Amino acid sequence: MSDQTNLVIRAATAADAPFLFPLMRALAEQEPNPNPGAFRESLVGKAFHFLLDHPERGRVWVLAVDQSLVGYIVLTLGFSFEFFGTDAFIDELYIVPEYRRRGFGRRAVEFLEAEANKIGVNAVHLEVDIGNAAASELYRRMGFADHNRFLMTKWLQLPQ
């Protein structure tokens, strides 16, 4: 079993796509709220490459242990009057199941927070699937708070 001291977090590159996209699919399809069919590799690919080309919109990092990709984390940037300027979302965080509960998620979030702080982010938000008690507990222990709000979405268009 690898120890979390072997964890390397680095910026994702285009060369990571073939290894990263299956993890993104696994996130979309995992319990407790699987969404089969929601993962569309062509659209995810466009979004991934857009983000790599436009770091002012966010960042993607991969987590590796002994050269094996074991997870990833995505930060997207926004602006909010409520949060007095630049805010951000942890858009996705995924750890391969056999590497969970080893502190990798905590390390990834701490890394992301430090990186967000460097670029002037005032607040970081995230969403957790209802029923994902392990993730909810981790985030609460790390200082994230539920604001008794619902995330609501309306699609304006589906990219082609």
N, C-alpha and C. Protein backbone atom coordinates (compact mmCIF):
# COMPACT_ATOMS: atom_id res chain seq x y z
N MET A 1 0.83 -1.19 0.00
CA MET A 1 0.00 0.00 0.00
C MET A 1 0.88 1.24 0.00
N SER A 2 0.60 2.16 -0.93
CA SER A 2 1.37 3.39 -1.01
C SER A 2 0.95 4.34 0.09
N ASP A 3 1.88 5.04 0.60
CA ASP A 3 1.65 6.03 1.63
C ASP A 3 1.41 7.38 0.95
N GLN A 4 0.69 8.27 1.63
CA GLN A 4 0.39 9.55 1.00
C GLN A 4 1.64 10.40 0.77
N THR A 5 2.76 10.05 1.40
CA THR A 5 3.99 10.80 1.14
C THR A 5 4.46 10.58 -0.30
N ASN A 6 4.00 9.52 -0.95
CA ASN A 6 4.36 9.27 -2.35
C ASN A 6 3.49 10.06 -3.32
N LEU A 7 2.51 10.78 -2.81
CA LEU A 7 1.59 11.51 -3.67
C LEU A 7 2.28 12.71 -4.31
N VAL A 8 2.11 12.83 -5.62
CA VAL A 8 2.59 13.99 -6.37
C VAL A 8 1.38 14.66 -7.00
N ILE A 9 1.27 15.96 -6.83
CA ILE A 9 0.20 16.73 -7.45
C ILE A 9 0.87 17.67 -8.44
N ARG A 10 0.43 17.57 -9.70
CA ARG A 10 1.04 18.40 -10.74
C ARG A 10 -0.03 18.89 -11.70
N ALA A 11 0.30 19.96 -12.40
CA ALA A 11 -0.63 20.50 -13.39
C ALA A 11 -0.87 19.46 -14.48
N ALA A 12 -2.11 19.34 -14.87
CA ALA A 12 -2.47 18.43 -15.96
C ALA A 12 -1.97 19.00 -17.28
N THR A 13 -1.69 18.10 -18.21
CA THR A 13 -1.31 18.50 -19.56
C THR A 13 -2.21 17.77 -20.55
N ALA A 14 -2.15 18.18 -21.79
CA ALA A 14 -2.94 17.51 -22.83
C ALA A 14 -2.61 16.03 -22.91
N ALA A 15 -1.37 15.67 -22.61
CA ALA A 15 -0.96 14.26 -22.67
C ALA A 15 -1.65 13.41 -21.61
N ASP A 16 -2.24 14.04 -20.59
CA ASP A 16 -2.94 13.30 -19.53
C ASP A 16 -4.35 12.88 -19.94
N ALA A 17 -4.88 13.44 -21.01
CA ALA A 17 -6.27 13.20 -21.40
C ALA A 17 -6.63 11.71 -21.47
N PRO A 18 -5.86 10.86 -22.13
CA PRO A 18 -6.26 9.45 -22.23
C PRO A 18 -6.36 8.74 -20.88
N PHE A 19 -5.62 9.23 -19.90
CA PHE A 19 -5.65 8.63 -18.57
C PHE A 19 -6.68 9.31 -17.68
N LEU A 20 -6.90 10.59 -17.92
CA LEU A 20 -7.79 11.40 -17.10
C LEU A 20 -9.26 11.18 -17.43
N PHE A 21 -9.60 11.06 -18.70
CA PHE A 21 -11.00 10.97 -19.08
C PHE A 21 -11.71 9.74 -18.49
N PRO A 22 -11.07 8.57 -18.40
CA PRO A 22 -11.76 7.46 -17.72
C PRO A 22 -12.06 7.76 -16.25
N LEU A 23 -11.21 8.52 -15.59
CA LEU A 23 -11.48 8.91 -14.21
C LEU A 23 -12.67 9.87 -14.16
N MET A 24 -12.75 10.78 -15.13
CA MET A 24 -13.88 11.71 -15.19
C MET A 24 -15.19 10.95 -15.43
N ARG A 25 -15.13 9.93 -16.28
CA ARG A 25 -16.31 9.10 -16.51
C ARG A 25 -16.71 8.39 -15.21
N ALA A 26 -15.73 7.85 -14.51
CA ALA A 26 -16.00 7.14 -13.25
C ALA A 26 -16.66 8.07 -12.24
N LEU A 27 -16.21 9.32 -12.16
CA LEU A 27 -16.83 10.28 -11.25
C LEU A 27 -18.29 10.49 -11.61
N ALA A 28 -18.57 10.69 -12.89
CA ALA A 28 -19.95 10.94 -13.34
C ALA A 28 -20.86 9.75 -13.05
N GLU A 29 -20.30 8.55 -13.04
CA GLU A 29 -21.12 7.35 -12.92
C GLU A 29 -21.06 6.69 -11.55
N GLN A 30 -20.36 7.30 -10.59
CA GLN A 30 -20.23 6.66 -9.28
C GLN A 30 -21.46 6.84 -8.40
N GLU A 31 -21.60 5.96 -7.44
CA GLU A 31 -22.64 6.07 -6.42
C GLU A 31 -22.30 7.26 -5.52
N PRO A 32 -23.21 7.90 -4.82
CA PRO A 32 -24.58 7.46 -4.61
C PRO A 32 -25.57 7.95 -5.66
N ASN A 33 -25.14 8.83 -6.56
CA ASN A 33 -26.05 9.38 -7.56
C ASN A 33 -25.47 9.23 -8.96
N PRO A 34 -25.35 7.99 -9.43
CA PRO A 34 -24.75 7.81 -10.76
C PRO A 34 -25.60 8.48 -11.84
N ASN A 35 -24.91 8.99 -12.83
CA ASN A 35 -25.59 9.67 -13.93
C ASN A 35 -25.10 9.07 -15.25
N PRO A 36 -25.45 7.80 -15.51
CA PRO A 36 -24.98 7.16 -16.75
C PRO A 36 -25.41 7.96 -17.97
N GLY A 37 -24.52 8.09 -18.91
CA GLY A 37 -24.83 8.83 -20.12
C GLY A 37 -24.51 10.30 -20.02
N ALA A 38 -24.26 10.81 -18.81
CA ALA A 38 -23.97 12.23 -18.65
C ALA A 38 -22.57 12.57 -19.13
N PHE A 39 -21.68 11.60 -19.08
CA PHE A 39 -20.31 11.84 -19.52
C PHE A 39 -20.26 11.77 -21.03
N ARG A 40 -19.85 12.85 -21.65
CA ARG A 40 -19.72 12.90 -23.11
C ARG A 40 -18.28 13.29 -23.41
N GLU A 41 -17.49 12.29 -23.80
CA GLU A 41 -16.05 12.49 -23.92
C GLU A 41 -15.69 13.62 -24.87
N SER A 42 -16.41 13.78 -25.96
CA SER A 42 -16.06 14.85 -26.90
C SER A 42 -16.25 16.23 -26.26
N LEU A 43 -17.31 16.39 -25.48
CA LEU A 43 -17.56 17.68 -24.83
C LEU A 43 -16.61 17.89 -23.65
N VAL A 44 -16.34 16.83 -22.91
CA VAL A 44 -15.38 16.92 -21.81
C VAL A 44 -14.01 17.27 -22.37
N GLY A 45 -13.65 16.64 -23.48
CA GLY A 45 -12.36 16.94 -24.11
C GLY A 45 -12.23 18.40 -24.50
N LYS A 46 -13.28 18.96 -25.09
CA LYS A 46 -13.25 20.38 -25.47
C LYS A 46 -13.09 21.26 -24.23
N ALA A 47 -13.85 20.93 -23.18
CA ALA A 47 -13.77 21.73 -21.95
C ALA A 47 -12.39 21.61 -21.32
N PHE A 48 -11.84 20.41 -21.30
CA PHE A 48 -10.51 20.18 -20.71
C PHE A 48 -9.45 21.00 -21.46
N HIS A 49 -9.45 20.92 -22.76
CA HIS A 49 -8.44 21.64 -23.55
C HIS A 49 -8.65 23.16 -23.47
N PHE A 50 -9.91 23.59 -23.38
CA PHE A 50 -10.18 25.01 -23.20
C PHE A 50 -9.57 25.50 -21.89
N LEU A 51 -9.78 24.74 -20.82
CA LEU A 51 -9.26 25.14 -19.52
C LEU A 51 -7.73 25.15 -19.52
N LEU A 52 -7.11 24.18 -20.18
CA LEU A 52 -5.65 24.19 -20.27
C LEU A 52 -5.15 25.43 -21.01
N ASP A 53 -5.90 25.85 -22.03
CA ASP A 53 -5.51 27.02 -22.82
C ASP A 53 -5.88 28.35 -22.17
N HIS A 54 -6.76 28.32 -21.17
CA HIS A 54 -7.26 29.54 -20.53
C HIS A 54 -7.17 29.42 -19.01
N PRO A 55 -5.95 29.49 -18.46
CA PRO A 55 -5.81 29.33 -17.01
C PRO A 55 -6.50 30.43 -16.21
N GLU A 56 -6.87 31.52 -16.86
CA GLU A 56 -7.62 32.56 -16.16
C GLU A 56 -9.04 32.09 -15.82
N ARG A 57 -9.45 30.96 -16.39
CA ARG A 57 -10.78 30.39 -16.12
C ARG A 57 -10.72 29.24 -15.11
N GLY A 58 -9.51 28.71 -14.87
CA GLY A 58 -9.38 27.64 -13.90
C GLY A 58 -8.16 26.79 -14.15
N ARG A 59 -8.03 25.74 -13.36
CA ARG A 59 -6.86 24.86 -13.43
C ARG A 59 -7.29 23.41 -13.23
N VAL A 60 -6.48 22.51 -13.75
CA VAL A 60 -6.66 21.07 -13.54
C VAL A 60 -5.34 20.50 -13.05
N TRP A 61 -5.41 19.71 -11.99
CA TRP A 61 -4.22 19.03 -11.48
C TRP A 61 -4.49 17.53 -11.43
N VAL A 62 -3.46 16.76 -11.63
CA VAL A 62 -3.56 15.31 -11.49
C VAL A 62 -2.81 14.88 -10.24
N LEU A 63 -3.27 13.78 -9.67
CA LEU A 63 -2.65 13.18 -8.50
C LEU A 63 -2.03 11.87 -8.95
N ALA A 64 -0.78 11.68 -8.62
CA ALA A 64 -0.08 10.47 -9.05
C ALA A 64 0.67 9.86 -7.88
N VAL A 65 0.73 8.54 -7.89
CA VAL A 65 1.53 7.78 -6.93
C VAL A 65 2.37 6.82 -7.77
N ASP A 66 3.68 6.91 -7.60
CA ASP A 66 4.60 6.03 -8.34
C ASP A 66 4.29 6.04 -9.84
N GLN A 67 4.12 7.22 -10.40
CA GLN A 67 3.87 7.42 -11.83
C GLN A 67 2.47 6.97 -12.29
N SER A 68 1.63 6.48 -11.40
CA SER A 68 0.27 6.06 -11.76
C SER A 68 -0.71 7.16 -11.37
N LEU A 69 -1.58 7.53 -12.31
CA LEU A 69 -2.60 8.53 -12.05
C LEU A 69 -3.65 7.93 -11.11
N VAL A 70 -3.85 8.55 -9.94
CA VAL A 70 -4.79 8.03 -8.95
C VAL A 70 -5.94 9.00 -8.67
N GLY A 71 -5.93 10.16 -9.34
CA GLY A 71 -7.01 11.10 -9.13
C GLY A 71 -6.74 12.42 -9.82
N TYR A 72 -7.68 13.34 -9.62
CA TYR A 72 -7.53 14.67 -10.20
C TYR A 72 -8.42 15.63 -9.44
N ILE A 73 -8.14 16.90 -9.60
CA ILE A 73 -8.95 17.96 -8.99
C ILE A 73 -8.99 19.13 -9.95
N VAL A 74 -10.16 19.77 -10.04
CA VAL A 74 -10.38 20.88 -10.97
C VAL A 74 -10.88 22.09 -10.19
N LEU A 75 -10.26 23.23 -10.45
CA LEU A 75 -10.67 24.51 -9.88
C LEU A 75 -11.17 25.37 -11.02
N THR A 76 -12.37 25.92 -10.90
CA THR A 76 -12.87 26.88 -11.89
C THR A 76 -13.08 28.22 -11.19
N LEU A 77 -12.83 29.30 -11.92
CA LEU A 77 -12.84 30.63 -11.34
C LEU A 77 -14.06 31.43 -11.76
N GLY A 78 -14.53 32.25 -10.85
CA GLY A 78 -15.67 33.12 -11.11
C GLY A 78 -15.49 34.44 -10.39
N PHE A 79 -16.58 35.18 -10.31
CA PHE A 79 -16.57 36.48 -9.63
C PHE A 79 -17.88 36.61 -8.87
N SER A 80 -17.81 37.13 -7.66
CA SER A 80 -19.00 37.24 -6.83
C SER A 80 -18.95 38.50 -5.97
N PHE A 81 -20.04 39.27 -6.00
CA PHE A 81 -20.13 40.41 -5.09
C PHE A 81 -20.28 39.91 -3.66
N GLU A 82 -21.01 38.82 -3.48
CA GLU A 82 -21.20 38.26 -2.14
C GLU A 82 -19.87 37.90 -1.49
N PHE A 83 -18.91 37.46 -2.31
CA PHE A 83 -17.61 37.05 -1.78
C PHE A 83 -16.51 38.05 -2.14
N PHE A 84 -16.92 39.27 -2.50
CA PHE A 84 -16.04 40.42 -2.66
C PHE A 84 -14.96 40.25 -3.72
N GLY A 85 -15.30 39.59 -4.80
CA GLY A 85 -14.34 39.46 -5.89
C GLY A 85 -14.24 38.04 -6.41
N THR A 86 -13.03 37.61 -6.66
CA THR A 86 -12.81 36.30 -7.27
C THR A 86 -13.19 35.18 -6.30
N ASP A 87 -14.04 34.30 -6.80
CA ASP A 87 -14.36 33.09 -6.05
C ASP A 87 -14.10 31.91 -6.98
N ALA A 88 -14.20 30.73 -6.44
CA ALA A 88 -13.87 29.56 -7.24
C ALA A 88 -14.70 28.36 -6.78
N PHE A 89 -14.78 27.39 -7.65
CA PHE A 89 -15.43 26.11 -7.35
C PHE A 89 -14.41 24.99 -7.48
N ILE A 90 -14.48 24.08 -6.53
CA ILE A 90 -13.84 22.79 -6.77
C ILE A 90 -14.86 22.07 -7.64
N ASP A 91 -14.63 22.12 -8.92
CA ASP A 91 -15.60 21.60 -9.88
C ASP A 91 -15.64 20.09 -9.84
N GLU A 92 -14.47 19.46 -9.72
CA GLU A 92 -14.41 18.01 -9.63
C GLU A 92 -13.22 17.61 -8.78
N LEU A 93 -13.44 16.58 -7.98
CA LEU A 93 -12.37 15.91 -7.24
C LEU A 93 -12.68 14.43 -7.28
N TYR A 94 -11.73 13.66 -7.76
CA TYR A 94 -11.94 12.21 -7.85
C TYR A 94 -10.65 11.51 -7.46
N ILE A 95 -10.81 10.51 -6.60
CA ILE A 95 -9.72 9.64 -6.20
C ILE A 95 -10.14 8.22 -6.57
N VAL A 96 -9.27 7.47 -7.24
CA VAL A 96 -9.54 6.08 -7.59
C VAL A 96 -9.90 5.33 -6.29
N PRO A 97 -10.96 4.50 -6.31
CA PRO A 97 -11.44 3.87 -5.07
C PRO A 97 -10.36 3.19 -4.22
N GLU A 98 -9.44 2.48 -4.83
CA GLU A 98 -8.44 1.78 -4.01
C GLU A 98 -7.43 2.72 -3.35
N TYR A 99 -7.47 4.00 -3.68
CA TYR A 99 -6.57 4.98 -3.07
C TYR A 99 -7.31 5.92 -2.12
N ARG A 100 -8.57 5.68 -1.88
CA ARG A 100 -9.35 6.53 -0.98
C ARG A 100 -9.02 6.21 0.48
N ARG A 101 -9.37 7.17 1.33
CA ARG A 101 -9.19 7.04 2.77
C ARG A 101 -7.72 6.93 3.17
N ARG A 102 -6.86 7.57 2.38
CA ARG A 102 -5.42 7.61 2.67
C ARG A 102 -4.93 9.06 2.83
N GLY A 103 -5.86 10.01 2.81
CA GLY A 103 -5.47 11.41 2.96
C GLY A 103 -5.23 12.13 1.64
N PHE A 104 -5.42 11.44 0.51
CA PHE A 104 -5.16 12.07 -0.79
C PHE A 104 -6.16 13.19 -1.08
N GLY A 105 -7.42 12.98 -0.75
CA GLY A 105 -8.43 14.02 -0.97
C GLY A 105 -8.11 15.26 -0.17
N ARG A 106 -7.78 15.07 1.09
CA ARG A 106 -7.41 16.21 1.95
C ARG A 106 -6.19 16.93 1.37
N ARG A 107 -5.19 16.18 0.98
CA ARG A 107 -3.98 16.80 0.41
C ARG A 107 -4.31 17.57 -0.86
N ALA A 108 -5.18 17.01 -1.70
CA ALA A 108 -5.54 17.69 -2.95
C ALA A 108 -6.27 18.99 -2.66
N VAL A 109 -7.19 18.98 -1.71
CA VAL A 109 -7.94 20.20 -1.38
C VAL A 109 -7.01 21.23 -0.75
N GLU A 110 -6.13 20.82 0.13
CA GLU A 110 -5.18 21.76 0.72
C GLU A 110 -4.28 22.38 -0.36
N PHE A 111 -3.83 21.56 -1.29
CA PHE A 111 -3.02 22.05 -2.41
C PHE A 111 -3.82 23.07 -3.22
N LEU A 112 -5.05 22.73 -3.56
CA LEU A 112 -5.90 23.62 -4.34
C LEU A 112 -6.12 24.94 -3.60
N GLU A 113 -6.37 24.88 -2.31
CA GLU A 113 -6.58 26.11 -1.54
C GLU A 113 -5.34 27.00 -1.59
N ALA A 114 -4.17 26.42 -1.46
CA ALA A 114 -2.94 27.21 -1.52
C ALA A 114 -2.77 27.84 -2.89
N GLU A 115 -3.05 27.08 -3.94
CA GLU A 115 -2.94 27.61 -5.30
C GLU A 115 -3.98 28.71 -5.53
N ALA A 116 -5.19 28.51 -5.05
CA ALA A 116 -6.25 29.52 -5.20
C ALA A 116 -5.88 30.80 -4.46
N ASN A 117 -5.31 30.64 -3.30
CA ASN A 117 -4.88 31.81 -2.53
C ASN A 117 -3.82 32.61 -3.29
N LYS A 118 -2.91 31.92 -3.96
CA LYS A 118 -1.86 32.59 -4.73
C LYS A 118 -2.42 33.46 -5.86
N ILE A 119 -3.57 33.07 -6.41
CA ILE A 119 -4.13 33.84 -7.53
C ILE A 119 -5.27 34.77 -7.10
N GLY A 120 -5.41 34.97 -5.78
CA GLY A 120 -6.34 35.97 -5.28
C GLY A 120 -7.78 35.53 -5.10
N VAL A 121 -8.01 34.25 -4.96
CA VAL A 121 -9.37 33.75 -4.73
C VAL A 121 -9.76 34.04 -3.28
N ASN A 122 -10.96 34.62 -3.08
CA ASN A 122 -11.45 34.93 -1.74
C ASN A 122 -12.19 33.78 -1.08
N ALA A 123 -12.91 33.00 -1.87
CA ALA A 123 -13.72 31.92 -1.32
C ALA A 123 -13.75 30.75 -2.30
N VAL A 124 -13.77 29.55 -1.76
CA VAL A 124 -13.85 28.34 -2.57
C VAL A 124 -15.14 27.62 -2.22
N HIS A 125 -15.91 27.25 -3.23
CA HIS A 125 -17.16 26.54 -3.06
C HIS A 125 -17.01 25.12 -3.61
N LEU A 126 -17.92 24.27 -3.23
CA LEU A 126 -17.99 22.93 -3.82
C LEU A 126 -19.40 22.41 -3.63
N GLU A 127 -19.70 21.36 -4.36
CA GLU A 127 -20.97 20.67 -4.16
C GLU A 127 -20.67 19.21 -3.92
N VAL A 128 -21.53 18.58 -3.14
CA VAL A 128 -21.38 17.18 -2.79
C VAL A 128 -22.70 16.48 -3.09
N ASP A 129 -22.60 15.31 -3.71
CA ASP A 129 -23.82 14.54 -3.95
C ASP A 129 -24.50 14.22 -2.63
N ILE A 130 -25.82 14.39 -2.59
CA ILE A 130 -26.58 14.00 -1.42
C ILE A 130 -26.36 12.50 -1.23
N GLY A 131 -26.03 12.11 -0.02
CA GLY A 131 -25.78 10.71 0.28
C GLY A 131 -24.30 10.35 0.28
N ASN A 132 -23.43 11.28 -0.14
CA ASN A 132 -22.00 11.00 -0.11
C ASN A 132 -21.45 11.48 1.23
N ALA A 133 -21.72 10.68 2.26
CA ALA A 133 -21.38 11.06 3.63
C ALA A 133 -19.88 11.21 3.84
N ALA A 134 -19.09 10.35 3.22
CA ALA A 134 -17.63 10.41 3.42
C ALA A 134 -17.07 11.73 2.91
N ALA A 135 -17.48 12.14 1.72
CA ALA A 135 -17.00 13.40 1.17
C ALA A 135 -17.52 14.58 1.98
N SER A 136 -18.79 14.53 2.36
CA SER A 136 -19.36 15.63 3.15
C SER A 136 -18.60 15.81 4.46
N GLU A 137 -18.29 14.72 5.12
CA GLU A 137 -17.57 14.78 6.39
C GLU A 137 -16.16 15.34 6.19
N LEU A 138 -15.48 14.89 5.15
CA LEU A 138 -14.14 15.41 4.86
C LEU A 138 -14.20 16.93 4.69
N TYR A 139 -15.12 17.40 3.87
CA TYR A 139 -15.20 18.83 3.60
C TYR A 139 -15.57 19.62 4.85
N ARG A 140 -16.46 19.10 5.66
CA ARG A 140 -16.81 19.80 6.91
C ARG A 140 -15.58 19.90 7.82
N ARG A 141 -14.83 18.81 7.94
CA ARG A 141 -13.63 18.83 8.78
C ARG A 141 -12.60 19.83 8.26
N MET A 142 -12.64 20.09 6.95
CA MET A 142 -11.69 21.03 6.36
C MET A 142 -12.18 22.48 6.39
N GLY A 143 -13.34 22.71 6.99
CA GLY A 143 -13.83 24.07 7.16
C GLY A 143 -14.91 24.52 6.20
N PHE A 144 -15.35 23.65 5.29
CA PHE A 144 -16.44 24.01 4.39
C PHE A 144 -17.76 23.93 5.16
N ALA A 145 -18.66 24.87 4.89
CA ALA A 145 -19.93 24.93 5.60
C ALA A 145 -21.09 24.89 4.62
N ASP A 146 -22.15 24.23 5.05
CA ASP A 146 -23.40 24.20 4.30
C ASP A 146 -24.15 25.50 4.58
N HIS A 147 -24.56 26.18 3.52
CA HIS A 147 -25.26 27.46 3.70
C HIS A 147 -26.77 27.33 3.51
N ASN A 148 -27.27 26.10 3.61
CA ASN A 148 -28.71 25.86 3.48
C ASN A 148 -29.27 26.45 2.19
N ARG A 149 -28.55 26.22 1.11
CA ARG A 149 -28.97 26.66 -0.21
C ARG A 149 -28.97 25.45 -1.13
N PHE A 150 -29.70 25.54 -2.18
CA PHE A 150 -29.71 24.51 -3.20
C PHE A 150 -28.98 25.03 -4.42
N LEU A 151 -28.14 24.22 -5.00
CA LEU A 151 -27.54 24.57 -6.28
C LEU A 151 -28.58 24.27 -7.34
N MET A 152 -28.93 25.28 -8.12
CA MET A 152 -29.93 25.12 -9.17
C MET A 152 -29.27 25.48 -10.50
N THR A 153 -29.62 24.77 -11.54
CA THR A 153 -28.99 24.95 -12.84
C THR A 153 -30.04 25.02 -13.93
N LYS A 154 -29.82 25.89 -14.87
CA LYS A 154 -30.63 25.94 -16.09
C LYS A 154 -29.65 25.98 -17.26
N TRP A 155 -29.73 24.97 -18.10
CA TRP A 155 -28.90 24.94 -19.30
C TRP A 155 -29.40 25.99 -20.28
N LEU A 156 -28.51 26.85 -20.76
CA LEU A 156 -28.86 27.82 -21.79
C LEU A 156 -28.63 27.23 -23.17
N GLN A 157 -27.62 26.38 -23.25
CA GLN A 157 -27.33 25.68 -24.49
C GLN A 157 -26.42 24.52 -24.16
N LEU A 158 -26.50 23.51 -24.96
CA LEU A 158 -25.59 22.38 -24.82
C LEU A 158 -24.54 22.53 -25.90
N PRO A 159 -23.27 22.61 -25.50
CA PRO A 159 -22.22 22.79 -26.51
C PRO A 159 -22.25 21.67 -27.54
N GLN A 160 -21.77 21.99 -28.71
CA GLN A 160 -21.72 21.00 -29.79
C GLN A 160 -20.37 20.33 -29.85
